[in-house]
C-alpha atoms as a PDB file:
ATOM      1  CA  MET A   1      -5.031  37.290  -8.889  1.00  0.00           C
ATOM      2  CA  PRO A   2      -3.807  33.644  -8.945  1.00  0.00           C
ATOM      3  CA  ASN A   3      -0.374  34.794  -7.744  1.00  0.00           C
ATOM      4  CA  ARG A   4      -1.968  36.532  -4.773  1.00  0.00           C
ATOM      5  CA  LYS A   5      -3.875  33.374  -3.866  1.00  0.00           C
ATOM      6  CA  ILE A   6      -0.702  31.283  -4.070  1.00  0.00           C
ATOM      7  CA  HIS A   7       1.215  33.833  -2.002  1.00  0.00           C
ATOM      8  CA  GLY A   8      -1.584  33.934   0.571  1.00  0.00           C
ATOM      9  CA  SER A   9      -1.769  30.167   0.838  1.00  0.00           C
ATOM     10  CA  LYS A  10       2.012  29.988   1.382  1.00  0.00           C
ATOM     11  CA  GLU A  11       1.779  32.550   4.180  1.00  0.00           C
ATOM     12  CA  GLN A  12      -1.025  30.584   5.819  1.00  0.00           C
ATOM     13  CA  TRP A  13       1.014  27.387   5.533  1.00  0.00           C
ATOM     14  CA  PHE A  14       4.112  28.912   7.119  1.00  0.00           C
ATOM     15  CA  SER A  15       2.015  30.529   9.834  1.00  0.00           C
ATOM     16  CA  LEU A  16       0.377  27.181  10.614  1.00  0.00           C
ATOM     17  CA  LYS A  17       3.781  25.477  10.543  1.00  0.00           C
ATOM     18  CA  ARG A  18       5.242  27.937  13.059  1.00  0.00           C
ATOM     19  CA  LYS A  19       2.197  27.601  15.291  1.00  0.00           C
ATOM     20  CA  PHE A  20       2.525  23.826  15.610  1.00  0.00           C
ATOM     21  CA  ALA A  21       6.320  23.567  15.375  1.00  0.00           C
ATOM     22  CA  TRP A  22       6.486  22.821  19.100  1.00  0.00           C
ATOM     23  CA  LEU A  23       4.826  19.459  18.457  1.00  0.00           C
ATOM     24  CA  GLY A  24       8.134  18.238  17.058  1.00  0.00           C
ATOM     25  CA  LEU A  25       9.611  18.519  20.554  1.00  0.00           C
ATOM     26  CA  ALA A  26       6.696  16.727  22.217  1.00  0.00           C
ATOM     27  CA  PRO A  27       8.159  13.160  22.099  1.00  0.00           C
ATOM     28  CA  PHE A  28      11.529  14.344  23.412  1.00  0.00           C
ATOM     29  CA  SER A  29       9.862  16.442  26.113  1.00  0.00           C
ATOM     30  CA  VAL A  30       7.747  13.488  27.262  1.00  0.00           C
ATOM     31  CA  TYR A  31      10.865  11.307  27.366  1.00  0.00           C
ATOM     32  CA  ILE A  32      12.793  13.888  29.434  1.00  0.00           C
ATOM     33  CA  LEU A  33       9.907  14.361  31.874  1.00  0.00           C
ATOM     34  CA  ALA A  34       9.293  10.630  32.274  1.00  0.00           C
ATOM     35  CA  PHE A  35      12.876   9.432  32.673  1.00  0.00           C
ATOM     36  CA  LEU A  36      14.691  12.502  34.033  1.00  0.00           C
ATOM     37  CA  GLY A  37      12.297  15.063  35.459  1.00  0.00           C
ATOM     38  CA  LEU A  38       9.969  12.764  37.389  1.00  0.00           C
ATOM     39  CA  PRO A  39      12.733  10.579  38.918  1.00  0.00           C
ATOM     40  CA  THR A  40      14.622  13.719  39.946  1.00  0.00           C
ATOM     41  CA  VAL A  41      11.563  15.185  41.666  1.00  0.00           C
ATOM     42  CA  LEU A  42      10.832  11.902  43.435  1.00  0.00           C
ATOM     43  CA  ALA A  43      14.456  11.461  44.519  1.00  0.00           C
ATOM     44  CA  VAL A  44      14.789  14.987  45.864  1.00  0.00           C
ATOM     45  CA  GLY A  45      11.326  14.886  47.420  1.00  0.00           C
ATOM     46  CA  SER A  46      12.231  11.789  49.402  1.00  0.00           C
ATOM     47  CA  GLY A  47      14.845  13.846  51.224  1.00  0.00           C
ATOM     48  CA  PHE A  48      12.125  16.059  52.713  1.00  0.00           C
ATOM     49  CA  ARG A  49      10.033  13.196  54.113  1.00  0.00           C
ATOM     50  CA  ASP A  50      10.441  11.099  57.218  1.00  0.00           C
ATOM     51  CA  GLY A  51       9.632   7.424  57.650  1.00  0.00           C
ATOM     52  CA  GLN A  52       5.917   8.245  57.948  1.00  0.00           C
ATOM     53  CA  GLY A  53       5.892  10.360  54.784  1.00  0.00           C
ATOM     54  CA  LYS A  54       5.627  13.692  56.633  1.00  0.00           C
ATOM     55  CA  PHE A  55       7.607  16.803  55.722  1.00  0.00           C
ATOM     56  CA  THR A  56      10.856  17.192  57.642  1.00  0.00           C
ATOM     57  CA  LEU A  57      14.257  18.856  57.427  1.00  0.00           C
ATOM     58  CA  ALA A  58      15.849  16.385  59.814  1.00  0.00           C
ATOM     59  CA  ASN A  59      17.328  14.409  56.923  1.00  0.00           C
ATOM     60  CA  PHE A  60      19.747  17.273  56.244  1.00  0.00           C
ATOM     61  CA  SER A  61      21.571  16.242  59.400  1.00  0.00           C
ATOM     62  CA  VAL A  62      23.396  13.764  57.163  1.00  0.00           C
ATOM     63  CA  TYR A  63      25.650  16.666  56.191  1.00  0.00           C
ATOM     64  CA  SER A  64      26.928  16.799  59.759  1.00  0.00           C
ATOM     65  CA  ASN A  65      28.669  13.499  59.084  1.00  0.00           C
ATOM     66  CA  PRO A  66      32.320  14.155  58.096  1.00  0.00           C
ATOM     67  CA  ALA A  67      32.265  11.035  55.930  1.00  0.00           C
ATOM     68  CA  VAL A  68      29.710  12.682  53.632  1.00  0.00           C
ATOM     69  CA  TRP A  69      31.937  15.729  53.107  1.00  0.00           C
ATOM     70  CA  ASP A  70      34.857  13.404  52.487  1.00  0.00           C
ATOM     71  CA  THR A  71      32.930  11.738  49.667  1.00  0.00           C
ATOM     72  CA  PHE A  72      32.019  15.124  48.163  1.00  0.00           C
ATOM     73  CA  GLY A  73      35.675  16.139  48.356  1.00  0.00           C
ATOM     74  CA  ALA A  74      36.778  12.848  46.781  1.00  0.00           C
ATOM     75  CA  SER A  75      34.218  13.249  43.999  1.00  0.00           C
ATOM     76  CA  ALA A  76      35.321  16.826  43.362  1.00  0.00           C
ATOM     77  CA  GLY A  77      39.000  15.859  43.326  1.00  0.00           C
ATOM     78  CA  LEU A  78      38.438  12.893  41.014  1.00  0.00           C
ATOM     79  CA  SER A  79      36.263  14.993  38.708  1.00  0.00           C
ATOM     80  CA  ALA A  80      38.767  17.855  38.571  1.00  0.00           C
ATOM     81  CA  LEU A  81      41.737  15.556  37.920  1.00  0.00           C
ATOM     82  CA  THR A  82      40.103  13.514  35.161  1.00  0.00           C
ATOM     83  CA  ALA A  83      38.545  16.647  33.636  1.00  0.00           C
ATOM     84  CA  VAL A  84      41.827  18.579  33.448  1.00  0.00           C
ATOM     85  CA  VAL A  85      43.822  15.637  32.086  1.00  0.00           C
ATOM     86  CA  GLY A  86      41.005  14.721  29.691  1.00  0.00           C
ATOM     87  CA  ALA A  87      40.624  18.321  28.532  1.00  0.00           C
ATOM     88  CA  VAL A  88      44.337  18.780  27.819  1.00  0.00           C
ATOM     89  CA  ALA A  89      44.680  15.402  26.086  1.00  0.00           C
ATOM     90  CA  GLY A  90      41.473  15.935  24.104  1.00  0.00           C
ATOM     91  CA  ALA A  91      42.552  19.431  23.054  1.00  0.00           C
ATOM     92  CA  LEU A  92      45.840  18.023  21.744  1.00  0.00           C
ATOM     93  CA  VAL A  93      43.923  15.430  19.741  1.00  0.00           C
ATOM     94  CA  CYS A  94      41.721  18.193  18.331  1.00  0.00           C
ATOM     95  CA  TRP A  95      44.780  20.226  17.388  1.00  0.00           C
ATOM     96  CA  ALA A  96      46.297  17.220  15.637  1.00  0.00           C
ATOM     97  CA  LEU A  97      43.064  16.658  13.691  1.00  0.00           C
ATOM     98  CA  THR A  98      43.254  20.140  12.182  1.00  0.00           C
ATOM     99  CA  GLY A  99      46.156  18.907  10.061  1.00  0.00           C
ATOM    100  CA  VAL A 100      44.154  15.951   8.734  1.00  0.00           C
ATOM    101  CA  ASN A 101      41.975  16.186   5.641  1.00  0.00           C
ATOM    102  CA  GLN A 102      38.306  16.377   6.522  1.00  0.00           C
ATOM    103  CA  ASP A 103      37.394  13.531   4.155  1.00  0.00           C
ATOM    104  CA  SER A 104      40.280  11.260   5.169  1.00  0.00           C
ATOM    105  CA  ALA A 105      39.789   7.834   6.732  1.00  0.00           C
ATOM    106  CA  VAL A 106      41.718   8.920   9.843  1.00  0.00           C
ATOM    107  CA  ARG A 107      39.355  11.825  10.460  1.00  0.00           C
ATOM    108  CA  ARG A 108      36.250   9.670  10.016  1.00  0.00           C
ATOM    109  CA  MET A 109      37.715   6.961  12.242  1.00  0.00           C
ATOM    110  CA  VAL A 110      38.544   9.410  15.054  1.00  0.00           C
ATOM    111  CA  ASP A 111      35.107  11.024  14.837  1.00  0.00           C
ATOM    112  CA  ALA A 112      33.345   7.654  14.964  1.00  0.00           C
ATOM    113  CA  ALA A 113      35.541   6.321  17.771  1.00  0.00           C
ATOM    114  CA  SER A 114      35.071   9.477  19.860  1.00  0.00           C
ATOM    115  CA  SER A 115      31.291   9.308  19.472  1.00  0.00           C
ATOM    116  CA  VAL A 116      31.238   5.666  20.608  1.00  0.00           C
ATOM    117  CA  LEU A 117      33.844   5.808  23.383  1.00  0.00           C
ATOM    118  CA  ALA A 118      32.341   8.947  24.938  1.00  0.00           C
ATOM    119  CA  GLN A 119      29.259   6.848  25.761  1.00  0.00           C
ATOM    120  CA  PHE A 120      31.194   3.714  26.728  1.00  0.00           C
ATOM    121  CA  GLY A 121      31.018   2.958  30.425  1.00  0.00           C
ATOM    122  CA  GLY A 122      29.417   0.883  33.116  1.00  0.00           C
ATOM    123  CA  VAL A 123      30.012  -2.841  33.534  1.00  0.00           C
ATOM    124  CA  MET A 124      31.574  -3.248  30.079  1.00  0.00           C
ATOM    125  CA  LEU A 125      34.239  -0.616  30.722  1.00  0.00           C
ATOM    126  CA  ALA A 126      34.908  -1.965  34.210  1.00  0.00           C
ATOM    127  CA  PHE A 127      35.313  -5.500  32.820  1.00  0.00           C
ATOM    128  CA  ALA A 128      37.680  -4.219  30.131  1.00  0.00           C
ATOM    129  CA  PHE A 129      39.957  -2.678  32.768  1.00  0.00           C
ATOM    130  CA  ILE A 130      39.716  -5.713  35.048  1.00  0.00           C
ATOM    131  CA  ALA A 131      40.695  -8.000  32.158  1.00  0.00           C
ATOM    132  CA  THR A 132      43.545  -5.695  31.143  1.00  0.00           C
ATOM    133  CA  MET A 133      44.822  -4.420  34.492  1.00  0.00           C
ATOM    134  CA  GLY A 134      43.252  -6.665  37.134  1.00  0.00           C
ATOM    135  CA  ALA A 135      45.071  -8.844  39.653  1.00  0.00           C
ATOM    136  CA  GLN A 136      45.244 -11.743  37.166  1.00  0.00           C
ATOM    137  CA  SER A 137      45.260  -9.612  34.038  1.00  0.00           C
ATOM    138  CA  ILE A 138      47.364  -9.953  30.928  1.00  0.00           C
ATOM    139  CA  LEU A 139      49.227  -6.702  31.569  1.00  0.00           C
ATOM    140  CA  ARG A 140      50.151  -7.493  35.175  1.00  0.00           C
ATOM    141  CA  LEU A 141      51.334 -11.031  34.426  1.00  0.00           C
ATOM    142  CA  TRP A 142      53.356  -9.828  31.425  1.00  0.00           C
ATOM    143  CA  MET A 143      55.026  -7.060  33.452  1.00  0.00           C
ATOM    144  CA  GLN A 144      55.827  -9.476  36.277  1.00  0.00           C
ATOM    145  CA  GLU A 145      57.386 -12.056  33.955  1.00  0.00           C
ATOM    146  CA  THR A 146      59.118  -9.695  31.520  1.00  0.00           C
ATOM    147  CA  LEU A 147      59.973  -6.572  33.518  1.00  0.00           C
ATOM    148  CA  ASN A 148      59.942  -8.049  37.029  1.00  0.00           C
ATOM    149  CA  PHE A 149      57.635  -5.216  38.047  1.00  0.00           C
ATOM    150  CA  ASP A 150      54.359  -5.539  39.946  1.00  0.00           C
ATOM    151  CA  ILE A 151      51.894  -2.690  39.487  1.00  0.00           C
ATOM    152  CA  TYR A 152      50.061  -3.868  42.611  1.00  0.00           C
ATOM    153  CA  ALA A 153      53.071  -4.235  44.882  1.00  0.00           C
ATOM    154  CA  ASN A 154      51.457  -1.819  47.360  1.00  0.00           C
ATOM    155  CA  GLY A 155      47.934  -3.150  47.004  1.00  0.00           C
ATOM    156  CA  VAL A 156      45.325  -3.629  44.293  1.00  0.00           C
ATOM    157  CA  TRP A 157      44.403   0.023  43.726  1.00  0.00           C
ATOM    158  CA  LEU A 158      42.169  -0.728  40.715  1.00  0.00           C
ATOM    159  CA  TYR A 159      39.233  -1.417  43.052  1.00  0.00           C
ATOM    160  CA  GLN A 160      39.771   1.775  45.034  1.00  0.00           C
ATOM    161  CA  LEU A 161      39.389   5.482  44.248  1.00  0.00           C
ATOM    162  CA  PRO A 162      42.668   5.761  42.228  1.00  0.00           C
ATOM    163  CA  GLY A 163      41.450   2.893  40.032  1.00  0.00           C
ATOM    164  CA  LEU A 164      38.659   5.125  38.671  1.00  0.00           C
ATOM    165  CA  ILE A 165      41.075   7.572  37.042  1.00  0.00           C
ATOM    166  CA  GLY A 166      41.887   5.353  34.053  1.00  0.00           C
ATOM    167  CA  PRO A 167      38.287   4.322  33.267  1.00  0.00           C
ATOM    168  CA  TYR A 168      37.051   7.898  33.620  1.00  0.00           C
ATOM    169  CA  LEU A 169      39.729   9.194  31.246  1.00  0.00           C
ATOM    170  CA  TYR A 170      38.648   6.515  28.795  1.00  0.00           C
ATOM    171  CA  PHE A 171      35.390   8.401  28.167  1.00  0.00           C
ATOM    172  CA  GLN A 172      36.507  11.889  29.178  1.00  0.00           C
ATOM    173  CA  ILE A 173      39.048  12.320  26.370  1.00  0.00           C
ATOM    174  CA  PRO A 174      36.622  11.335  23.556  1.00  0.00           C
ATOM    175  CA  LEU A 175      33.965  13.628  25.058  1.00  0.00           C
ATOM    176  CA  MET A 176      36.468  16.499  24.959  1.00  0.00           C
ATOM    177  CA  VAL A 177      37.222  15.757  21.300  1.00  0.00           C
ATOM    178  CA  ILE A 178      33.520  15.899  20.433  1.00  0.00           C
ATOM    179  CA  THR A 179      32.930  19.076  22.433  1.00  0.00           C
ATOM    180  CA  PHE A 180      36.041  21.125  21.687  1.00  0.00           C
ATOM    181  CA  PHE A 181      36.885  20.234  18.091  1.00  0.00           C
ATOM    182  CA  PRO A 182      34.134  22.412  16.541  1.00  0.00           C
ATOM    183  CA  ALA A 183      35.656  25.444  18.288  1.00  0.00           C
ATOM    184  CA  ILE A 184      39.154  24.766  16.930  1.00  0.00           C
ATOM    185  CA  GLU A 185      37.699  24.065  13.497  1.00  0.00           C
ATOM    186  CA  ARG A 186      36.131  27.526  13.424  1.00  0.00           C
ATOM    187  CA  LEU A 187      39.432  29.351  13.862  1.00  0.00           C
ATOM    188  CA  ARG A 188      39.636  31.352  10.655  1.00  0.00           C
ATOM    189  CA  PRO A 189      42.813  31.273   8.542  1.00  0.00           C
ATOM    190  CA  GLN A 190      42.211  34.959   7.764  1.00  0.00           C
ATOM    191  CA  TRP A 191      43.034  35.795  11.382  1.00  0.00           C
ATOM    192  CA  VAL A 192      46.491  34.250  11.026  1.00  0.00           C
ATOM    193  CA  GLU A 193      47.059  36.112   7.763  1.00  0.00           C
ATOM    194  CA  ALA A 194      45.865  39.402   9.219  1.00  0.00           C
ATOM    195  CA  SER A 195      48.078  39.081  12.296  1.00  0.00           C
ATOM    196  CA  ALA A 196      51.070  38.176  10.120  1.00  0.00           C
ATOM    197  CA  THR A 197      50.402  41.208   7.925  1.00  0.00           C
ATOM    198  CA  LEU A 198      50.540  43.384  11.031  1.00  0.00           C
ATOM    199  CA  GLY A 199      53.898  41.866  11.979  1.00  0.00           C
ATOM    200  CA  ALA A 200      52.816  39.344  14.631  1.00  0.00           C
ATOM    201  CA  ASN A 201      54.545  35.974  14.884  1.00  0.00           C
ATOM    202  CA  LYS A 202      52.840  32.668  15.761  1.00  0.00           C
ATOM    203  CA  CYS A 203      53.412  33.056  19.494  1.00  0.00           C
ATOM    204  CA  GLN A 204      51.875  36.511  19.476  1.00  0.00           C
ATOM    205  CA  TYR A 205      48.935  35.250  17.407  1.00  0.00           C
ATOM    206  CA  TRP A 206      48.143  32.482  19.901  1.00  0.00           C
ATOM    207  CA  ARG A 207      48.711  34.730  22.894  1.00  0.00           C
ATOM    208  CA  HIS A 208      46.506  37.616  21.742  1.00  0.00           C
ATOM    209  CA  ILE A 209      44.023  35.925  19.384  1.00  0.00           C
ATOM    210  CA  GLY A 210      43.996  32.122  19.384  1.00  0.00           C
ATOM    211  CA  PHE A 211      43.996  31.355  23.098  1.00  0.00           C
ATOM    212  CA  PRO A 212      41.595  34.187  24.118  1.00  0.00           C
ATOM    213  CA  VAL A 213      39.150  33.089  21.417  1.00  0.00           C
ATOM    214  CA  LEU A 214      39.322  29.411  22.405  1.00  0.00           C
ATOM    215  CA  ALA A 215      39.323  30.019  26.172  1.00  0.00           C
ATOM    216  CA  PRO A 216      35.504  30.154  26.658  1.00  0.00           C
ATOM    217  CA  SER A 217      35.017  26.965  24.629  1.00  0.00           C
ATOM    218  CA  PHE A 218      37.846  25.192  26.455  1.00  0.00           C
ATOM    219  CA  LEU A 219      36.607  26.211  29.904  1.00  0.00           C
ATOM    220  CA  GLY A 220      33.047  25.277  28.944  1.00  0.00           C
ATOM    221  CA  ALA A 221      34.183  21.838  27.796  1.00  0.00           C
ATOM    222  CA  LEU A 222      36.198  21.487  31.017  1.00  0.00           C
ATOM    223  CA  LEU A 223      33.089  22.195  33.105  1.00  0.00           C
ATOM    224  CA  LEU A 224      31.164  19.650  31.057  1.00  0.00           C
ATOM    225  CA  LEU A 225      33.824  17.031  31.790  1.00  0.00           C
ATOM    226  CA  ILE A 226      33.709  17.869  35.501  1.00  0.00           C
ATOM    227  CA  ALA A 227      29.930  17.457  35.549  1.00  0.00           C
ATOM    228  CA  ASN A 228      30.183  14.239  33.538  1.00  0.00           C
ATOM    229  CA  SER A 229      32.643  12.577  35.901  1.00  0.00           C
ATOM    230  CA  PHE A 230      30.979  13.951  39.043  1.00  0.00           C
ATOM    231  CA  SER A 231      27.693  12.270  38.123  1.00  0.00           C
ATOM    232  CA  SER A 232      29.126   8.981  36.810  1.00  0.00           C
ATOM    233  CA  TYR A 233      27.904   5.970  38.743  1.00  0.00           C
ATOM    234  CA  ALA A 234      27.821   2.725  36.739  1.00  0.00           C
ATOM    235  CA  THR A 235      31.559   2.340  36.156  1.00  0.00           C
ATOM    236  CA  ALA A 236      32.414   3.195  39.769  1.00  0.00           C
ATOM    237  CA  ALA A 237      29.749   0.828  41.085  1.00  0.00           C
ATOM    238  CA  ALA A 238      31.081  -2.015  38.931  1.00  0.00           C
ATOM    239  CA  LEU A 239      34.683  -1.504  40.074  1.00  0.00           C
ATOM    240  CA  ILE A 240      34.124  -0.587  43.731  1.00  0.00           C
ATOM    241  CA  SER A 241      31.694  -3.043  45.285  1.00  0.00           C
ATOM    242  CA  GLN A 242      32.587  -2.192  48.885  1.00  0.00           C
ATOM    243  CA  GLY A 243      32.640   1.246  50.457  1.00  0.00           C
ATOM    244  CA  ALA A 244      31.288   4.637  49.410  1.00  0.00           C
ATOM    245  CA  GLN A 245      34.264   6.711  48.333  1.00  0.00           C
ATOM    246  CA  ILE A 246      32.371   9.084  46.014  1.00  0.00           C
ATOM    247  CA  VAL A 247      28.923  10.676  46.225  1.00  0.00           C
ATOM    248  CA  PRO A 248      27.061   8.327  43.817  1.00  0.00           C
ATOM    249  CA  LEU A 249      28.325   5.359  45.824  1.00  0.00           C
ATOM    250  CA  GLN A 250      27.351   7.149  49.044  1.00  0.00           C
ATOM    251  CA  ILE A 251      23.808   7.418  47.676  1.00  0.00           C
ATOM    252  CA  ARG A 252      23.903   3.697  46.902  1.00  0.00           C
ATOM    253  CA  ALA A 253      25.002   3.012  50.469  1.00  0.00           C
ATOM    254  CA  ALA A 254      22.188   5.238  51.758  1.00  0.00           C
ATOM    255  CA  LEU A 255      19.632   3.261  49.778  1.00  0.00           C
ATOM    256  CA  ILE A 256      20.787  -0.195  50.800  1.00  0.00           C
ATOM    257  CA  GLY A 257      22.257   0.508  54.249  1.00  0.00           C
ATOM    258  CA  GLU A 258      20.325   0.135  57.470  1.00  0.00           C
ATOM    259  CA  THR A 259      22.669   1.512  60.125  1.00  0.00           C
ATOM    260  CA  GLY A 260      24.173   4.835  61.136  1.00  0.00           C
ATOM    261  CA  ALA A 261      23.870   7.733  58.701  1.00  0.00           C
ATOM    262  CA  SER A 262      23.055   5.360  55.847  1.00  0.00           C
ATOM    263  CA  ASN A 263      19.278   5.296  55.321  1.00  0.00           C
ATOM    264  CA  ALA A 264      16.895   5.667  52.431  1.00  0.00           C
ATOM    265  CA  ASP A 265      15.715   9.146  53.480  1.00  0.00           C
ATOM    266  CA  SER A 266      19.212  10.629  53.346  1.00  0.00           C
ATOM    267  CA  ALA A 267      19.667   9.467  49.731  1.00  0.00           C
ATOM    268  CA  GLY A 268      17.364  12.234  48.514  1.00  0.00           C
ATOM    269  CA  VAL A 269      19.328  14.853  50.454  1.00  0.00           C
ATOM    270  CA  LEU A 270      22.587  13.613  48.965  1.00  0.00           C
ATOM    271  CA  ALA A 271      20.988  13.642  45.520  1.00  0.00           C
ATOM    272  CA  LEU A 272      19.933  17.245  46.120  1.00  0.00           C
ATOM    273  CA  GLY A 273      23.544  18.143  46.907  1.00  0.00           C
ATOM    274  CA  MET A 274      24.664  16.560  43.648  1.00  0.00           C
ATOM    275  CA  ILE A 275      21.953  18.426  41.726  1.00  0.00           C
ATOM    276  CA  VAL A 276      23.120  21.741  43.194  1.00  0.00           C
ATOM    277  CA  VAL A 277      26.713  21.041  42.098  1.00  0.00           C
ATOM    278  CA  MET A 278      25.549  19.983  38.634  1.00  0.00           C
ATOM    279  CA  ALA A 279      23.291  23.027  38.298  1.00  0.00           C
ATOM    280  CA  VAL A 280      26.142  25.423  39.120  1.00  0.00           C
ATOM    281  CA  ALA A 281      28.384  23.686  36.600  1.00  0.00           C
ATOM    282  CA  MET A 282      25.718  23.800  33.886  1.00  0.00           C
ATOM    283  CA  VAL A 283      24.918  27.478  34.493  1.00  0.00           C
ATOM    284  CA  LEU A 284      28.599  28.366  34.155  1.00  0.00           C
ATOM    285  CA  TYR A 285      28.835  26.128  31.071  1.00  0.00           C
ATOM    286  CA  SER A 286      25.871  27.896  29.455  1.00  0.00           C
ATOM    287  CA  ALA A 287      27.388  31.330  30.156  1.00  0.00           C
ATOM    288  CA  LEU A 288      30.719  30.308  28.622  1.00  0.00           C
ATOM    289  CA  MET A 289      29.014  28.842  25.547  1.00  0.00           C
ATOM    290  CA  LYS A 290      27.107  32.084  24.996  1.00  0.00           C
ATOM    291  CA  ARG A 291      30.375  33.979  25.128  1.00  0.00           C
ATOM    292  CA  ALA A 292      32.014  31.541  22.718  1.00  0.00           C
ATOM    293  CA  ALA A 293      29.072  31.857  20.311  1.00  0.00           C
ATOM    294  CA  ARG A 294      29.834  35.554  19.766  1.00  0.00           C
ATOM    295  CA  TRP A 295      32.816  34.869  17.510  1.00  0.00           C
ATOM    296  CA  GLN A 296      31.645  31.471  16.228  1.00  0.00           C
ATOM    297  CA  GLN A 297      28.707  33.167  14.538  1.00  0.00           C
END
């Protein structure tokens, strides 16, 4: 009889625990709604209102401006370039880490540095590149005096669209290491042994087993990098103070500009365009992660 009471009380406890388990997500949910959901709704909603606060679709005429499509194309090109380079470089780092002992100082250092640098951006990152590669930077002066070579002979490109490539790669590569390394780490040594037993060499193993298994995780991480760079604003705003060469800077121009196609109402429409791009990328990322989870489990 006492055992039955204990067993029954345990069942009641676990049932009560499952019933109120959602409360653990309440603080995070409130944070997401307050600082992500509500601002997104307000930003997008502003694109469907005119100056008097009435509903209108006239703000979508901003997409008839070729300059807006140029900024979307520039953002897409910059995102694709930094994502591909960051994905390849990060994958090579991940592959190199597989030969390092899990408890070694090198492994811990790379893990810690990747976690920090993946979130490093904004004014601090822009200042770091200005101090290192700016017009009066250490690197430029050293190259001029030592190598007689001027990296800005054709203009100071650091404060233009090409100048964003280096800063973006600075946080794209660590993000790839964090995202892709778990997939490489789950490659099972038994697969190599089994393929070797069947007479396959290393090239055949990677062609028929390794690469197909890693492809969903790699493509998913690549999409994440594209979305990450496409939505980045702080670093670009700190480096490029004039002009609107990418979509986030175009939104900034729409908020502070007073002439032409630049107005506060069009900022919400541009934000909606960015949200659509991000949503497509995240849906594809989720589908690829589900496919990758089949063999990871």
